């Protein structure tokens, strides 16, 4: 399975992750969350690796606009209905994943792809 990067074209951290892997000649598949979103199965696999709570970007404008800080909500349900709540980029390599800007995890993924 090829490395996957979930994010948006406008996200600076997502572009940074893409650049990181391009510079190291690591093949990846980009999943644009604006165009495709994230499927329930993909979300389950990612959340198994990093935890569902850490996937929501509580500092994002979208999180604040929806008022989620002031209510109880099901993170899985909210992410499936609005993928723009995700902390991006999400880099996934099989059962392993990293959410947000995490160059040390990216380096591990790059190393795994070379072996």
N, C-alpha and C. Protein backbone atom coordinates (compact mmCIF):
# COMPACT_ATOMS: atom_id res chain seq x y z
N UNK A 1 0.85 -1.18 0.00
CA UNK A 1 0.00 0.00 0.00
C UNK A 1 0.89 1.24 0.00
N UNK A 2 0.55 2.18 -0.85
CA UNK A 2 1.32 3.41 -0.94
C UNK A 2 0.98 4.34 0.23
N UNK A 3 1.91 5.17 0.53
CA UNK A 3 1.72 6.19 1.56
C UNK A 3 0.57 7.10 1.12
N UNK A 4 -0.25 7.54 2.06
CA UNK A 4 -1.35 8.45 1.75
C UNK A 4 -1.16 9.73 2.54
N UNK A 5 -1.47 10.86 1.89
CA UNK A 5 -1.50 12.16 2.57
C UNK A 5 -2.90 12.70 2.39
N UNK A 6 -3.59 12.91 3.51
CA UNK A 6 -4.92 13.51 3.51
C UNK A 6 -4.77 14.97 3.88
N UNK A 7 -5.35 15.86 3.09
CA UNK A 7 -5.26 17.28 3.39
C UNK A 7 -5.99 18.09 2.35
N UNK A 8 -5.67 19.37 2.30
CA UNK A 8 -6.25 20.26 1.30
C UNK A 8 -5.12 21.00 0.60
N UNK A 9 -5.38 21.43 -0.60
CA UNK A 9 -4.36 22.14 -1.38
C UNK A 9 -4.01 23.49 -0.76
N UNK A 10 -4.93 24.09 -0.02
CA UNK A 10 -4.68 25.40 0.59
C UNK A 10 -3.90 25.32 1.90
N UNK A 11 -3.79 24.14 2.48
CA UNK A 11 -3.15 23.97 3.78
C UNK A 11 -1.63 23.98 3.66
N UNK A 12 -0.98 24.92 4.33
CA UNK A 12 0.48 25.04 4.26
C UNK A 12 1.17 23.80 4.83
N UNK A 13 0.65 23.25 5.91
CA UNK A 13 1.26 22.05 6.51
C UNK A 13 1.13 20.84 5.59
N UNK A 14 0.04 20.75 4.85
CA UNK A 14 -0.14 19.66 3.90
C UNK A 14 0.87 19.80 2.76
N UNK A 15 1.04 21.01 2.26
CA UNK A 15 2.03 21.25 1.20
C UNK A 15 3.44 20.93 1.70
N UNK A 16 3.69 21.22 2.98
CA UNK A 16 4.99 20.91 3.57
C UNK A 16 5.22 19.40 3.61
N UNK A 17 4.19 18.64 3.96
CA UNK A 17 4.30 17.17 3.98
C UNK A 17 4.56 16.63 2.58
N UNK A 18 3.84 17.16 1.59
CA UNK A 18 4.06 16.72 0.21
C UNK A 18 5.50 17.00 -0.22
N UNK A 19 5.98 18.19 0.08
CA UNK A 19 7.35 18.56 -0.27
C UNK A 19 8.35 17.64 0.43
N UNK A 20 8.11 17.33 1.69
CA UNK A 20 8.98 16.45 2.46
C UNK A 20 9.15 15.11 1.74
N UNK A 21 8.05 14.50 1.33
CA UNK A 21 8.13 13.18 0.69
C UNK A 21 8.65 13.26 -0.74
N UNK A 22 8.34 14.34 -1.46
CA UNK A 22 8.88 14.51 -2.81
C UNK A 22 10.40 14.63 -2.77
N UNK A 23 10.92 15.40 -1.81
CA UNK A 23 12.36 15.58 -1.70
C UNK A 23 13.08 14.27 -1.41
N UNK A 24 12.39 13.33 -0.82
CA UNK A 24 12.99 12.04 -0.46
C UNK A 24 12.59 10.92 -1.43
N UNK A 25 11.98 11.32 -2.56
CA UNK A 25 11.53 10.38 -3.59
C UNK A 25 10.65 9.26 -3.04
N UNK A 26 9.75 9.64 -2.14
CA UNK A 26 8.80 8.67 -1.57
C UNK A 26 7.47 8.85 -2.29
N UNK A 27 7.00 7.78 -2.90
CA UNK A 27 5.72 7.83 -3.61
C UNK A 27 4.58 7.93 -2.60
N UNK A 28 3.58 8.72 -2.93
CA UNK A 28 2.41 8.86 -2.07
C UNK A 28 1.18 9.12 -2.91
N UNK A 29 0.05 8.91 -2.30
CA UNK A 29 -1.24 9.20 -2.92
C UNK A 29 -1.87 10.34 -2.12
N UNK A 30 -2.21 11.43 -2.80
CA UNK A 30 -2.82 12.58 -2.13
C UNK A 30 -4.33 12.45 -2.15
N UNK A 31 -4.97 12.62 -1.00
CA UNK A 31 -6.43 12.60 -0.90
C UNK A 31 -6.87 13.99 -0.49
N UNK A 32 -7.53 14.69 -1.42
CA UNK A 32 -8.00 16.05 -1.15
C UNK A 32 -9.31 15.96 -0.37
N UNK A 33 -9.28 16.43 0.86
CA UNK A 33 -10.46 16.35 1.73
C UNK A 33 -11.60 17.22 1.24
N UNK A 34 -11.30 18.27 0.48
CA UNK A 34 -12.35 19.13 -0.06
C UNK A 34 -13.12 18.37 -1.14
N UNK A 35 -12.39 17.66 -2.00
CA UNK A 35 -13.03 16.96 -3.11
C UNK A 35 -13.63 15.61 -2.69
N UNK A 36 -12.89 14.83 -1.92
CA UNK A 36 -13.30 13.45 -1.63
C UNK A 36 -13.76 13.23 -0.20
N UNK A 37 -13.21 13.95 0.73
CA UNK A 37 -13.54 13.68 2.13
C UNK A 37 -12.80 12.45 2.61
N UNK A 38 -13.26 11.89 3.70
CA UNK A 38 -12.65 10.69 4.26
C UNK A 38 -13.77 9.67 4.48
N UNK A 39 -13.52 8.43 4.09
CA UNK A 39 -14.54 7.40 4.25
C UNK A 39 -14.56 6.91 5.71
N UNK A 40 -15.61 6.25 6.07
CA UNK A 40 -15.73 5.71 7.44
C UNK A 40 -14.61 4.71 7.73
N UNK A 41 -14.29 3.87 6.76
CA UNK A 41 -13.23 2.88 6.94
C UNK A 41 -11.87 3.52 7.11
N UNK A 42 -11.59 4.53 6.29
CA UNK A 42 -10.31 5.25 6.41
C UNK A 42 -10.22 5.94 7.75
N UNK A 43 -11.31 6.57 8.17
CA UNK A 43 -11.32 7.26 9.46
C UNK A 43 -11.08 6.28 10.60
N UNK A 44 -11.69 5.11 10.53
CA UNK A 44 -11.49 4.10 11.58
C UNK A 44 -10.03 3.65 11.63
N UNK A 45 -9.42 3.44 10.47
CA UNK A 45 -8.02 3.01 10.43
C UNK A 45 -7.10 4.09 10.98
N UNK A 46 -7.35 5.33 10.62
CA UNK A 46 -6.52 6.44 11.10
C UNK A 46 -6.70 6.63 12.59
N UNK A 47 -7.95 6.61 13.05
CA UNK A 47 -8.20 6.83 14.48
C UNK A 47 -7.66 5.69 15.33
N UNK A 48 -7.56 4.48 14.78
CA UNK A 48 -6.97 3.36 15.51
C UNK A 48 -5.49 3.63 15.76
N UNK A 49 -4.86 4.37 14.86
CA UNK A 49 -3.43 4.66 14.99
C UNK A 49 -3.13 5.87 15.88
N UNK A 50 -3.95 6.91 15.77
CA UNK A 50 -3.63 8.16 16.49
C UNK A 50 -4.67 8.57 17.53
N UNK A 51 -5.82 7.92 17.54
CA UNK A 51 -6.88 8.31 18.47
C UNK A 51 -7.82 9.31 17.84
N UNK A 52 -9.08 9.07 18.00
CA UNK A 52 -10.10 9.91 17.37
C UNK A 52 -10.07 11.35 17.87
N UNK A 53 -9.86 11.53 19.15
CA UNK A 53 -9.85 12.88 19.72
C UNK A 53 -8.76 13.77 19.18
N UNK A 54 -7.63 13.18 18.81
CA UNK A 54 -6.52 13.99 18.32
C UNK A 54 -6.67 14.38 16.86
N UNK A 55 -7.70 13.89 16.20
CA UNK A 55 -7.89 14.20 14.79
C UNK A 55 -8.62 15.52 14.55
N UNK A 56 -9.37 15.99 15.52
CA UNK A 56 -10.11 17.25 15.34
C UNK A 56 -9.20 18.42 15.68
N UNK A 57 -9.14 19.37 14.77
CA UNK A 57 -8.32 20.57 14.96
C UNK A 57 -9.14 21.60 15.74
N UNK A 58 -8.97 21.59 17.07
CA UNK A 58 -9.75 22.48 17.92
C UNK A 58 -9.36 23.94 17.79
N UNK A 59 -8.26 24.21 17.14
CA UNK A 59 -7.84 25.60 16.92
C UNK A 59 -8.28 26.15 15.58
N UNK A 60 -8.98 25.34 14.79
CA UNK A 60 -9.37 25.78 13.44
C UNK A 60 -10.57 26.72 13.48
N UNK A 61 -10.65 27.52 12.43
CA UNK A 61 -11.77 28.44 12.28
C UNK A 61 -13.09 27.66 12.17
N UNK A 62 -13.05 26.55 11.47
CA UNK A 62 -14.27 25.74 11.27
C UNK A 62 -14.79 25.22 12.61
N UNK A 63 -13.89 24.77 13.49
CA UNK A 63 -14.27 24.28 14.81
C UNK A 63 -14.95 25.39 15.60
N UNK A 64 -14.37 26.58 15.55
CA UNK A 64 -14.93 27.73 16.29
C UNK A 64 -16.26 28.17 15.70
N UNK A 65 -16.33 28.23 14.36
CA UNK A 65 -17.57 28.67 13.70
C UNK A 65 -18.74 27.75 14.02
N UNK A 66 -18.47 26.47 14.17
CA UNK A 66 -19.54 25.52 14.46
C UNK A 66 -19.87 25.47 15.95
N UNK A 67 -19.08 26.14 16.78
CA UNK A 67 -19.36 26.20 18.21
C UNK A 67 -19.16 24.88 18.92
N UNK A 68 -18.31 24.03 18.40
CA UNK A 68 -18.12 22.70 18.98
C UNK A 68 -17.46 22.75 20.35
N UNK A 69 -16.76 23.82 20.66
CA UNK A 69 -16.12 23.93 21.97
C UNK A 69 -17.15 24.01 23.09
N UNK A 70 -18.36 24.37 22.75
CA UNK A 70 -19.39 24.59 23.76
C UNK A 70 -20.47 23.51 23.78
N UNK A 71 -20.20 22.39 23.13
CA UNK A 71 -21.22 21.33 23.11
C UNK A 71 -20.57 19.96 23.16
N UNK A 72 -21.37 18.99 23.54
CA UNK A 72 -20.93 17.60 23.47
C UNK A 72 -21.19 17.12 22.04
N UNK A 73 -20.25 16.38 21.49
CA UNK A 73 -20.43 15.90 20.13
C UNK A 73 -19.68 14.59 19.95
N UNK A 74 -20.06 13.86 18.93
CA UNK A 74 -19.39 12.61 18.57
C UNK A 74 -18.34 12.97 17.52
N UNK A 75 -17.04 12.88 17.86
CA UNK A 75 -15.99 13.28 16.91
C UNK A 75 -16.08 12.54 15.58
N UNK A 76 -16.36 11.26 15.62
CA UNK A 76 -16.43 10.48 14.37
C UNK A 76 -17.54 11.01 13.46
N UNK A 77 -18.70 11.24 14.05
CA UNK A 77 -19.84 11.74 13.29
C UNK A 77 -19.55 13.12 12.70
N UNK A 78 -18.94 13.99 13.50
CA UNK A 78 -18.63 15.34 13.03
C UNK A 78 -17.61 15.33 11.90
N UNK A 79 -16.57 14.49 12.02
CA UNK A 79 -15.55 14.41 10.98
C UNK A 79 -16.13 13.87 9.69
N UNK A 80 -16.96 12.83 9.78
CA UNK A 80 -17.57 12.27 8.58
C UNK A 80 -18.49 13.27 7.88
N UNK A 81 -19.16 14.10 8.64
CA UNK A 81 -20.05 15.09 8.03
C UNK A 81 -19.31 16.34 7.58
N UNK A 82 -18.15 16.63 8.20
CA UNK A 82 -17.40 17.84 7.85
C UNK A 82 -15.89 17.56 7.98
N UNK A 83 -15.27 17.02 6.90
CA UNK A 83 -13.85 16.67 6.96
C UNK A 83 -12.92 17.87 7.18
N UNK A 84 -13.44 19.08 7.02
CA UNK A 84 -12.59 20.26 7.24
C UNK A 84 -12.26 20.45 8.72
N UNK A 85 -12.85 19.64 9.59
CA UNK A 85 -12.52 19.68 11.02
C UNK A 85 -11.23 18.92 11.34
N UNK A 86 -10.75 18.12 10.39
CA UNK A 86 -9.56 17.30 10.63
C UNK A 86 -8.30 18.15 10.78
N UNK A 87 -7.42 17.70 11.67
CA UNK A 87 -6.08 18.28 11.79
C UNK A 87 -5.28 17.73 10.62
N UNK A 88 -4.81 18.62 9.77
CA UNK A 88 -4.09 18.19 8.57
C UNK A 88 -2.62 18.60 8.63
N UNK A 89 -1.77 17.91 7.92
CA UNK A 89 -2.06 16.75 7.10
C UNK A 89 -2.15 15.49 7.94
N UNK A 90 -2.83 14.51 7.40
CA UNK A 90 -2.81 13.18 7.99
C UNK A 90 -2.00 12.32 7.04
N UNK A 91 -0.93 11.76 7.55
CA UNK A 91 -0.08 10.89 6.74
C UNK A 91 -0.31 9.47 7.25
N UNK A 92 -0.64 8.59 6.31
CA UNK A 92 -0.99 7.21 6.68
C UNK A 92 -0.15 6.23 5.87
N UNK A 93 0.40 5.28 6.57
CA UNK A 93 1.17 4.20 5.94
C UNK A 93 0.68 2.88 6.53
N UNK A 94 -0.28 2.27 5.86
CA UNK A 94 -0.87 1.04 6.38
C UNK A 94 -1.60 1.30 7.68
N UNK A 95 -1.16 0.63 8.75
CA UNK A 95 -1.82 0.79 10.06
C UNK A 95 -1.24 1.94 10.86
N UNK A 96 -0.19 2.55 10.36
CA UNK A 96 0.43 3.68 11.07
C UNK A 96 -0.08 5.00 10.49
N UNK A 97 -0.17 6.01 11.34
CA UNK A 97 -0.63 7.31 10.87
C UNK A 97 -0.08 8.40 11.79
N UNK A 98 -0.05 9.61 11.26
CA UNK A 98 0.34 10.79 12.03
C UNK A 98 -0.58 11.93 11.61
N UNK A 99 -1.05 12.69 12.58
CA UNK A 99 -1.95 13.81 12.29
C UNK A 99 -1.26 15.11 12.63
N UNK A 100 -1.39 16.09 11.74
CA UNK A 100 -0.75 17.38 11.95
C UNK A 100 0.70 17.36 11.46
N UNK A 101 1.35 18.48 11.63
CA UNK A 101 2.74 18.60 11.19
C UNK A 101 3.64 17.82 12.15
N UNK A 102 4.22 16.74 11.65
CA UNK A 102 5.02 15.84 12.49
C UNK A 102 6.20 15.29 11.69
N UNK A 103 7.24 16.11 11.45
CA UNK A 103 8.37 15.67 10.63
C UNK A 103 9.08 14.42 11.14
N UNK A 104 9.10 14.19 12.45
CA UNK A 104 9.77 12.99 12.94
C UNK A 104 9.00 11.73 12.52
N UNK A 105 7.68 11.77 12.57
CA UNK A 105 6.88 10.63 12.11
C UNK A 105 7.02 10.48 10.59
N UNK A 106 7.05 11.59 9.87
CA UNK A 106 7.21 11.54 8.42
C UNK A 106 8.54 10.88 8.06
N UNK A 107 9.59 11.19 8.82
CA UNK A 107 10.90 10.60 8.56
C UNK A 107 10.84 9.08 8.75
N UNK A 108 10.11 8.62 9.76
CA UNK A 108 9.95 7.18 9.97
C UNK A 108 9.21 6.54 8.80
N UNK A 109 8.17 7.20 8.29
CA UNK A 109 7.43 6.68 7.15
C UNK A 109 8.34 6.61 5.92
N UNK A 110 9.14 7.64 5.71
CA UNK A 110 10.05 7.67 4.57
C UNK A 110 11.06 6.53 4.68
N UNK A 111 11.57 6.31 5.87
CA UNK A 111 12.53 5.23 6.08
C UNK A 111 11.89 3.86 5.82
N UNK A 112 10.65 3.68 6.29
CA UNK A 112 9.94 2.43 6.05
C UNK A 112 9.73 2.17 4.56
N UNK A 113 9.49 3.22 3.80
CA UNK A 113 9.22 3.03 2.38
C UNK A 113 10.48 2.65 1.61
N UNK A 114 11.65 2.97 2.17
CA UNK A 114 12.91 2.61 1.51
C UNK A 114 13.32 1.17 1.81
N UNK A 115 12.79 0.61 2.88
CA UNK A 115 13.20 -0.76 3.22
C UNK A 115 12.24 -1.80 2.73
